């Protein structure tokens, strides 16, 4: 039981990295140097794990990857937005 709580907490904490990246992109108004391919992989990977967690009805996976899905997709959208905006 304790390991489930720890895994859920760490899943959320690890996902904070996406939000720091999103903040940096917004602050700079640029996604220069941020890998589009990496964030496509992260976004698809976190979404796949979330769907898998929902399928298993595993709250540890669902909570851990819910934060990751939102964060990774946010960064991906910002990368696309600022690359298109800065290419005009």
N, C-alpha and C. Protein backbone atom coordinates (compact mmCIF):
# COMPACT_ATOMS: atom_id res chain seq x y z
N UNK A 1 0.82 -1.20 0.00
CA UNK A 1 0.00 0.00 0.00
C UNK A 1 0.86 1.26 0.00
N UNK A 2 1.92 1.28 0.79
CA UNK A 2 2.80 2.44 0.85
C UNK A 2 3.49 2.66 -0.49
N UNK A 3 3.88 1.59 -1.14
CA UNK A 3 4.55 1.72 -2.44
C UNK A 3 3.62 2.33 -3.49
N UNK A 4 2.32 2.05 -3.40
CA UNK A 4 1.36 2.65 -4.33
C UNK A 4 1.27 4.15 -4.13
N UNK A 5 1.24 4.58 -2.88
CA UNK A 5 1.20 6.02 -2.60
C UNK A 5 2.48 6.69 -3.07
N UNK A 6 3.61 6.07 -2.80
CA UNK A 6 4.90 6.62 -3.22
C UNK A 6 4.97 6.71 -4.74
N UNK A 7 4.51 5.66 -5.44
CA UNK A 7 4.54 5.67 -6.90
C UNK A 7 3.64 6.77 -7.46
N UNK A 8 2.48 6.97 -6.85
CA UNK A 8 1.57 8.02 -7.30
C UNK A 8 2.21 9.40 -7.10
N UNK A 9 2.77 9.61 -5.93
CA UNK A 9 3.42 10.90 -5.63
C UNK A 9 4.58 11.14 -6.60
N UNK A 10 5.40 10.14 -6.81
CA UNK A 10 6.55 10.31 -7.71
C UNK A 10 6.10 10.51 -9.16
N UNK A 11 5.02 9.86 -9.57
CA UNK A 11 4.49 10.07 -10.92
C UNK A 11 4.10 11.52 -11.13
N UNK A 12 3.48 12.11 -10.11
CA UNK A 12 3.08 13.51 -10.19
C UNK A 12 4.31 14.41 -10.16
N UNK A 13 5.24 14.15 -9.27
CA UNK A 13 6.45 14.97 -9.14
C UNK A 13 7.28 14.93 -10.43
N UNK A 14 7.45 13.76 -10.99
CA UNK A 14 8.22 13.64 -12.24
C UNK A 14 7.55 14.44 -13.36
N UNK A 15 6.23 14.47 -13.35
CA UNK A 15 5.50 15.20 -14.39
C UNK A 15 5.69 16.70 -14.30
N UNK A 16 6.13 17.21 -13.15
CA UNK A 16 6.36 18.65 -13.01
C UNK A 16 7.37 19.15 -14.03
N UNK A 17 8.27 18.29 -14.47
CA UNK A 17 9.26 18.69 -15.46
C UNK A 17 8.63 19.26 -16.73
N UNK A 18 7.51 18.70 -17.12
CA UNK A 18 6.81 19.22 -18.30
C UNK A 18 6.34 20.65 -18.07
N UNK A 19 5.84 20.93 -16.88
CA UNK A 19 5.32 22.26 -16.58
C UNK A 19 6.43 23.30 -16.51
N UNK A 20 7.58 22.91 -16.01
CA UNK A 20 8.72 23.83 -16.00
C UNK A 20 9.15 24.16 -17.44
N UNK A 21 9.11 23.16 -18.31
CA UNK A 21 9.46 23.38 -19.72
C UNK A 21 8.43 24.29 -20.37
N UNK A 22 7.15 24.05 -20.10
CA UNK A 22 6.09 24.88 -20.66
C UNK A 22 6.24 26.33 -20.19
N UNK A 23 6.54 26.51 -18.92
CA UNK A 23 6.75 27.86 -18.38
C UNK A 23 7.91 28.55 -19.08
N UNK A 24 8.99 27.82 -19.29
CA UNK A 24 10.16 28.38 -19.96
C UNK A 24 9.83 28.81 -21.38
N UNK A 25 9.08 27.99 -22.10
CA UNK A 25 8.67 28.34 -23.46
C UNK A 25 7.80 29.59 -23.45
N UNK A 26 6.85 29.64 -22.54
CA UNK A 26 5.96 30.81 -22.46
C UNK A 26 6.73 32.07 -22.09
N UNK A 27 7.65 31.95 -21.15
CA UNK A 27 8.43 33.10 -20.70
C UNK A 27 9.29 33.65 -21.83
N UNK A 28 9.93 32.77 -22.58
CA UNK A 28 10.81 33.18 -23.68
C UNK A 28 10.05 33.46 -24.96
N UNK A 29 8.79 32.99 -25.03
CA UNK A 29 7.99 33.09 -26.25
C UNK A 29 8.71 32.43 -27.43
N UNK A 30 9.39 31.33 -27.09
CA UNK A 30 10.16 30.60 -28.09
C UNK A 30 10.34 29.15 -27.62
N UNK A 31 10.31 28.24 -28.58
CA UNK A 31 10.57 26.83 -28.30
C UNK A 31 11.90 26.40 -28.90
N UNK A 32 12.74 27.39 -29.20
CA UNK A 32 14.04 27.09 -29.79
C UNK A 32 14.84 26.18 -28.86
N UNK A 33 15.38 25.12 -29.41
CA UNK A 33 16.18 24.19 -28.65
C UNK A 33 15.39 23.08 -27.96
N UNK A 34 14.07 23.10 -28.07
CA UNK A 34 13.23 22.07 -27.48
C UNK A 34 12.88 21.07 -28.58
N UNK A 35 13.16 19.81 -28.34
CA UNK A 35 12.98 18.77 -29.35
C UNK A 35 11.51 18.41 -29.58
N UNK A 36 11.04 18.69 -30.79
CA UNK A 36 9.68 18.33 -31.17
C UNK A 36 9.49 16.82 -31.14
N UNK A 37 10.43 16.08 -31.70
CA UNK A 37 10.34 14.62 -31.74
C UNK A 37 10.25 14.03 -30.34
N UNK A 38 11.06 14.53 -29.42
CA UNK A 38 11.03 14.04 -28.04
C UNK A 38 9.66 14.24 -27.41
N UNK A 39 9.08 15.41 -27.61
CA UNK A 39 7.79 15.69 -26.98
C UNK A 39 6.64 14.98 -27.68
N UNK A 40 6.78 14.66 -28.95
CA UNK A 40 5.79 13.79 -29.60
C UNK A 40 5.82 12.42 -28.94
N UNK A 41 7.02 11.90 -28.71
CA UNK A 41 7.17 10.60 -28.05
C UNK A 41 6.63 10.66 -26.62
N UNK A 42 6.99 11.70 -25.87
CA UNK A 42 6.50 11.84 -24.49
C UNK A 42 4.97 11.92 -24.46
N UNK A 43 4.39 12.72 -25.35
CA UNK A 43 2.95 12.91 -25.36
C UNK A 43 2.22 11.61 -25.69
N UNK A 44 2.69 10.91 -26.69
CA UNK A 44 2.05 9.63 -27.05
C UNK A 44 2.28 8.59 -25.95
N UNK A 45 3.48 8.57 -25.40
CA UNK A 45 3.80 7.61 -24.34
C UNK A 45 2.97 7.81 -23.09
N UNK A 46 2.87 9.05 -22.62
CA UNK A 46 2.08 9.30 -21.41
C UNK A 46 0.60 9.02 -21.64
N UNK A 47 0.11 9.36 -22.83
CA UNK A 47 -1.30 9.07 -23.15
C UNK A 47 -1.54 7.56 -23.18
N UNK A 48 -0.61 6.82 -23.76
CA UNK A 48 -0.74 5.36 -23.81
C UNK A 48 -0.78 4.77 -22.40
N UNK A 49 0.10 5.23 -21.52
CA UNK A 49 0.11 4.74 -20.14
C UNK A 49 -1.17 5.12 -19.40
N UNK A 50 -1.69 6.31 -19.65
CA UNK A 50 -2.95 6.71 -19.02
C UNK A 50 -4.08 5.80 -19.47
N UNK A 51 -4.16 5.55 -20.76
CA UNK A 51 -5.21 4.65 -21.28
C UNK A 51 -5.06 3.26 -20.68
N UNK A 52 -3.83 2.79 -20.58
CA UNK A 52 -3.56 1.48 -19.97
C UNK A 52 -3.99 1.46 -18.50
N UNK A 53 -3.69 2.51 -17.77
CA UNK A 53 -4.10 2.60 -16.37
C UNK A 53 -5.61 2.62 -16.23
N UNK A 54 -6.30 3.31 -17.12
CA UNK A 54 -7.76 3.32 -17.11
C UNK A 54 -8.30 1.92 -17.41
N UNK A 55 -7.69 1.26 -18.37
CA UNK A 55 -8.10 -0.10 -18.73
C UNK A 55 -7.95 -1.05 -17.54
N UNK A 56 -6.83 -0.92 -16.81
CA UNK A 56 -6.59 -1.77 -15.65
C UNK A 56 -7.34 -1.30 -14.40
N UNK A 57 -7.91 -0.09 -14.47
CA UNK A 57 -8.53 0.55 -13.31
C UNK A 57 -7.52 0.68 -12.16
N UNK A 58 -6.30 1.07 -12.54
CA UNK A 58 -5.20 1.21 -11.59
C UNK A 58 -5.01 2.70 -11.29
N UNK A 59 -5.45 3.12 -10.11
CA UNK A 59 -5.40 4.53 -9.74
C UNK A 59 -3.98 5.08 -9.67
N UNK A 60 -3.02 4.24 -9.31
CA UNK A 60 -1.62 4.69 -9.25
C UNK A 60 -1.15 5.13 -10.63
N UNK A 61 -1.41 4.33 -11.64
CA UNK A 61 -1.01 4.68 -13.01
C UNK A 61 -1.82 5.87 -13.50
N UNK A 62 -3.12 5.86 -13.25
CA UNK A 62 -3.99 6.93 -13.74
C UNK A 62 -3.57 8.28 -13.18
N UNK A 63 -3.40 8.38 -11.86
CA UNK A 63 -3.03 9.67 -11.27
C UNK A 63 -1.63 10.10 -11.68
N UNK A 64 -0.71 9.17 -11.70
CA UNK A 64 0.65 9.51 -12.09
C UNK A 64 0.75 10.02 -13.51
N UNK A 65 0.04 9.37 -14.43
CA UNK A 65 0.16 9.75 -15.83
C UNK A 65 -0.83 10.82 -16.27
N UNK A 66 -1.87 11.08 -15.49
CA UNK A 66 -2.79 12.18 -15.83
C UNK A 66 -2.03 13.51 -15.88
N UNK A 67 -1.21 13.73 -14.86
CA UNK A 67 -0.41 14.96 -14.83
C UNK A 67 0.58 14.99 -15.99
N UNK A 68 1.15 13.84 -16.31
CA UNK A 68 2.10 13.75 -17.41
C UNK A 68 1.46 14.01 -18.76
N UNK A 69 0.25 13.50 -18.95
CA UNK A 69 -0.46 13.72 -20.22
C UNK A 69 -0.71 15.21 -20.43
N UNK A 70 -1.24 15.85 -19.43
CA UNK A 70 -1.54 17.29 -19.55
C UNK A 70 -0.26 18.07 -19.82
N UNK A 71 0.77 17.80 -19.04
CA UNK A 71 2.02 18.54 -19.19
C UNK A 71 2.72 18.28 -20.51
N UNK A 72 2.81 17.02 -20.92
CA UNK A 72 3.53 16.71 -22.16
C UNK A 72 2.79 17.26 -23.38
N UNK A 73 1.46 17.16 -23.37
CA UNK A 73 0.69 17.72 -24.49
C UNK A 73 0.74 19.24 -24.50
N UNK A 74 0.77 19.85 -23.32
CA UNK A 74 0.90 21.30 -23.24
C UNK A 74 2.21 21.75 -23.88
N UNK A 75 3.31 21.09 -23.53
CA UNK A 75 4.60 21.44 -24.12
C UNK A 75 4.58 21.21 -25.62
N UNK A 76 4.03 20.09 -26.06
CA UNK A 76 3.96 19.79 -27.50
C UNK A 76 3.19 20.89 -28.24
N UNK A 77 2.06 21.29 -27.71
CA UNK A 77 1.26 22.35 -28.34
C UNK A 77 2.04 23.66 -28.37
N UNK A 78 2.72 23.98 -27.28
CA UNK A 78 3.52 25.22 -27.24
C UNK A 78 4.67 25.19 -28.23
N UNK A 79 5.32 24.03 -28.37
CA UNK A 79 6.40 23.90 -29.35
C UNK A 79 5.87 24.20 -30.75
N UNK A 80 4.76 23.57 -31.09
CA UNK A 80 4.18 23.77 -32.43
C UNK A 80 3.74 25.21 -32.61
N UNK A 81 3.08 25.78 -31.61
CA UNK A 81 2.60 27.16 -31.70
C UNK A 81 3.76 28.14 -31.91
N UNK A 82 4.79 28.05 -31.07
CA UNK A 82 5.87 29.02 -31.16
C UNK A 82 6.79 28.78 -32.35
N UNK A 83 6.91 27.55 -32.79
CA UNK A 83 7.70 27.33 -34.02
C UNK A 83 6.99 27.92 -35.22
N UNK A 84 5.67 27.76 -35.28
CA UNK A 84 4.90 28.34 -36.39
C UNK A 84 4.87 29.86 -36.29
N UNK A 85 4.71 30.38 -35.09
CA UNK A 85 4.65 31.83 -34.88
C UNK A 85 5.99 32.50 -35.21
N UNK A 86 7.07 31.87 -34.81
CA UNK A 86 8.39 32.46 -35.02
C UNK A 86 8.91 32.25 -36.44
N UNK A 87 8.24 31.42 -37.21
CA UNK A 87 8.63 31.20 -38.62
C UNK A 87 7.94 32.16 -39.57
N UNK A 88 7.03 32.98 -39.06
CA UNK A 88 6.31 33.92 -39.93
C UNK A 88 7.19 35.04 -40.41
